[in-house]
């Protein structure tokens, strides 16, 4: 679970809480009415994160 949290850039405790809630059937359906993220939006998000990391290193 630690690796998954790291890949999602989430605290391990948050992911753990969600998993426990899902197993108990208490996880509410979030984003049910949202449109899927396009490949272009995913790529833009990835590049933005990479730019932030590079800018932090340059400081």
N, C-alpha and C. Protein backbone atom coordinates (compact mmCIF):
# COMPACT_ATOMS: atom_id res chain seq x y z
N UNK A 1 0.82 -1.18 0.00
CA UNK A 1 0.00 0.00 0.00
C UNK A 1 0.87 1.26 0.00
N UNK A 2 2.04 1.19 0.61
CA UNK A 2 2.93 2.35 0.65
C UNK A 2 3.35 2.77 -0.76
N UNK A 3 3.62 1.81 -1.62
CA UNK A 3 4.03 2.12 -3.00
C UNK A 3 2.89 2.79 -3.76
N UNK A 4 1.69 2.30 -3.57
CA UNK A 4 0.52 2.89 -4.24
C UNK A 4 0.32 4.33 -3.78
N UNK A 5 0.39 4.56 -2.48
CA UNK A 5 0.24 5.91 -1.94
C UNK A 5 1.30 6.85 -2.52
N UNK A 6 2.52 6.34 -2.63
CA UNK A 6 3.61 7.14 -3.18
C UNK A 6 3.34 7.50 -4.64
N UNK A 7 2.89 6.53 -5.41
CA UNK A 7 2.61 6.78 -6.83
C UNK A 7 1.46 7.76 -7.02
N UNK A 8 0.51 7.76 -6.08
CA UNK A 8 -0.62 8.67 -6.16
C UNK A 8 -0.37 10.00 -5.45
N UNK A 9 0.82 10.13 -4.88
CA UNK A 9 1.20 11.32 -4.11
C UNK A 9 0.21 11.60 -2.99
N UNK A 10 -0.13 10.54 -2.26
CA UNK A 10 -1.06 10.63 -1.14
C UNK A 10 -0.38 10.16 0.13
N UNK A 11 -0.80 10.70 1.27
CA UNK A 11 -0.31 10.13 2.53
C UNK A 11 -0.81 8.69 2.68
N UNK A 12 0.02 7.82 3.21
CA UNK A 12 -0.37 6.43 3.39
C UNK A 12 -1.62 6.31 4.25
N UNK A 13 -1.73 7.18 5.25
CA UNK A 13 -2.89 7.11 6.15
C UNK A 13 -4.20 7.40 5.41
N UNK A 14 -4.18 8.34 4.47
CA UNK A 14 -5.40 8.65 3.71
C UNK A 14 -5.84 7.46 2.87
N UNK A 15 -4.88 6.87 2.17
CA UNK A 15 -5.19 5.71 1.35
C UNK A 15 -5.72 4.57 2.21
N UNK A 16 -5.10 4.37 3.36
CA UNK A 16 -5.53 3.31 4.26
C UNK A 16 -6.97 3.55 4.74
N UNK A 17 -7.29 4.79 5.09
CA UNK A 17 -8.66 5.11 5.53
C UNK A 17 -9.67 4.82 4.42
N UNK A 18 -9.30 5.15 3.19
CA UNK A 18 -10.21 4.90 2.07
C UNK A 18 -10.41 3.41 1.84
N UNK A 19 -9.34 2.65 1.94
CA UNK A 19 -9.43 1.20 1.74
C UNK A 19 -10.33 0.58 2.82
N UNK A 20 -10.12 0.98 4.07
CA UNK A 20 -10.94 0.46 5.17
C UNK A 20 -12.40 0.82 4.95
N UNK A 21 -12.67 2.07 4.59
CA UNK A 21 -14.05 2.51 4.35
C UNK A 21 -14.68 1.74 3.19
N UNK A 22 -13.91 1.49 2.14
CA UNK A 22 -14.43 0.75 0.98
C UNK A 22 -14.77 -0.68 1.37
N UNK A 23 -13.93 -1.31 2.17
CA UNK A 23 -14.18 -2.69 2.59
C UNK A 23 -15.43 -2.78 3.47
N UNK A 24 -15.70 -1.73 4.22
CA UNK A 24 -16.88 -1.71 5.09
C UNK A 24 -18.13 -1.25 4.34
N UNK A 25 -17.96 -0.85 3.07
CA UNK A 25 -19.09 -0.39 2.27
C UNK A 25 -19.52 1.02 2.63
N UNK A 26 -18.64 1.78 3.23
CA UNK A 26 -18.97 3.13 3.67
C UNK A 26 -18.37 4.22 2.79
N UNK A 27 -17.76 3.85 1.71
CA UNK A 27 -17.14 4.82 0.82
C UNK A 27 -18.20 5.38 -0.12
N UNK A 28 -18.39 6.68 -0.09
CA UNK A 28 -19.42 7.29 -0.93
C UNK A 28 -18.91 7.42 -2.37
N UNK A 29 -19.80 7.31 -3.34
CA UNK A 29 -19.39 7.42 -4.74
C UNK A 29 -19.06 8.87 -5.10
N UNK A 30 -17.79 9.18 -5.17
CA UNK A 30 -17.33 10.52 -5.49
C UNK A 30 -16.99 10.58 -6.98
N UNK A 31 -17.34 11.67 -7.61
CA UNK A 31 -17.00 11.85 -9.01
C UNK A 31 -17.89 11.08 -9.97
N UNK A 32 -19.00 10.61 -9.47
CA UNK A 32 -19.90 9.80 -10.29
C UNK A 32 -20.37 10.55 -11.54
N UNK A 33 -20.52 11.86 -11.43
CA UNK A 33 -21.03 12.66 -12.55
C UNK A 33 -19.93 13.41 -13.30
N UNK A 34 -18.67 13.13 -12.97
CA UNK A 34 -17.58 13.81 -13.64
C UNK A 34 -17.17 13.08 -14.91
N UNK A 35 -16.71 13.86 -15.88
CA UNK A 35 -16.23 13.24 -17.12
C UNK A 35 -14.84 12.67 -16.89
N UNK A 36 -14.48 11.62 -17.59
CA UNK A 36 -13.14 11.04 -17.44
C UNK A 36 -12.07 12.04 -17.87
N UNK A 37 -10.90 11.94 -17.28
CA UNK A 37 -9.79 12.80 -17.63
C UNK A 37 -9.20 12.32 -18.95
N UNK A 38 -8.99 13.24 -19.87
CA UNK A 38 -8.44 12.87 -21.18
C UNK A 38 -6.94 12.62 -21.08
N UNK A 39 -6.39 11.98 -22.08
CA UNK A 39 -4.95 11.73 -22.11
C UNK A 39 -4.18 13.05 -22.11
N UNK A 40 -4.69 14.04 -22.79
CA UNK A 40 -4.03 15.34 -22.84
C UNK A 40 -4.01 15.99 -21.45
N UNK A 41 -5.12 15.90 -20.73
CA UNK A 41 -5.18 16.45 -19.38
C UNK A 41 -4.21 15.72 -18.44
N UNK A 42 -4.12 14.40 -18.58
CA UNK A 42 -3.18 13.63 -17.76
C UNK A 42 -1.74 14.04 -18.06
N UNK A 43 -1.42 14.21 -19.33
CA UNK A 43 -0.07 14.60 -19.73
C UNK A 43 0.25 16.00 -19.21
N UNK A 44 -0.70 16.91 -19.28
CA UNK A 44 -0.50 18.27 -18.77
C UNK A 44 -0.23 18.25 -17.27
N UNK A 45 -0.99 17.45 -16.55
CA UNK A 45 -0.80 17.34 -15.11
C UNK A 45 0.59 16.78 -14.79
N UNK A 46 0.98 15.76 -15.52
CA UNK A 46 2.30 15.14 -15.31
C UNK A 46 3.42 16.15 -15.57
N UNK A 47 3.31 16.90 -16.65
CA UNK A 47 4.34 17.89 -16.99
C UNK A 47 4.37 19.02 -15.96
N UNK A 48 3.23 19.42 -15.46
CA UNK A 48 3.18 20.46 -14.43
C UNK A 48 3.89 20.01 -13.16
N UNK A 49 3.67 18.76 -12.77
CA UNK A 49 4.33 18.22 -11.59
C UNK A 49 5.84 18.16 -11.80
N UNK A 50 6.25 17.75 -13.00
CA UNK A 50 7.68 17.67 -13.29
C UNK A 50 8.31 19.06 -13.26
N UNK A 51 7.61 20.05 -13.77
CA UNK A 51 8.11 21.43 -13.77
C UNK A 51 8.27 21.92 -12.34
N UNK A 52 7.31 21.63 -11.49
CA UNK A 52 7.39 22.03 -10.09
C UNK A 52 8.62 21.42 -9.42
N UNK A 53 8.87 20.14 -9.69
CA UNK A 53 10.03 19.48 -9.09
C UNK A 53 11.33 20.11 -9.56
N UNK A 54 11.42 20.43 -10.84
CA UNK A 54 12.63 21.04 -11.39
C UNK A 54 12.83 22.42 -10.79
N UNK A 55 11.75 23.17 -10.64
CA UNK A 55 11.86 24.52 -10.06
C UNK A 55 12.31 24.45 -8.61
N UNK A 56 11.85 23.46 -7.86
CA UNK A 56 12.28 23.31 -6.47
C UNK A 56 13.75 22.97 -6.38
N UNK A 57 14.24 22.16 -7.30
CA UNK A 57 15.66 21.79 -7.31
C UNK A 57 16.52 23.00 -7.63
N UNK A 58 16.03 23.86 -8.51
CA UNK A 58 16.78 25.04 -8.94
C UNK A 58 16.86 26.13 -7.91
N UNK A 59 16.12 26.03 -6.84
CA UNK A 59 16.13 27.09 -5.82
C UNK A 59 17.29 26.99 -4.92
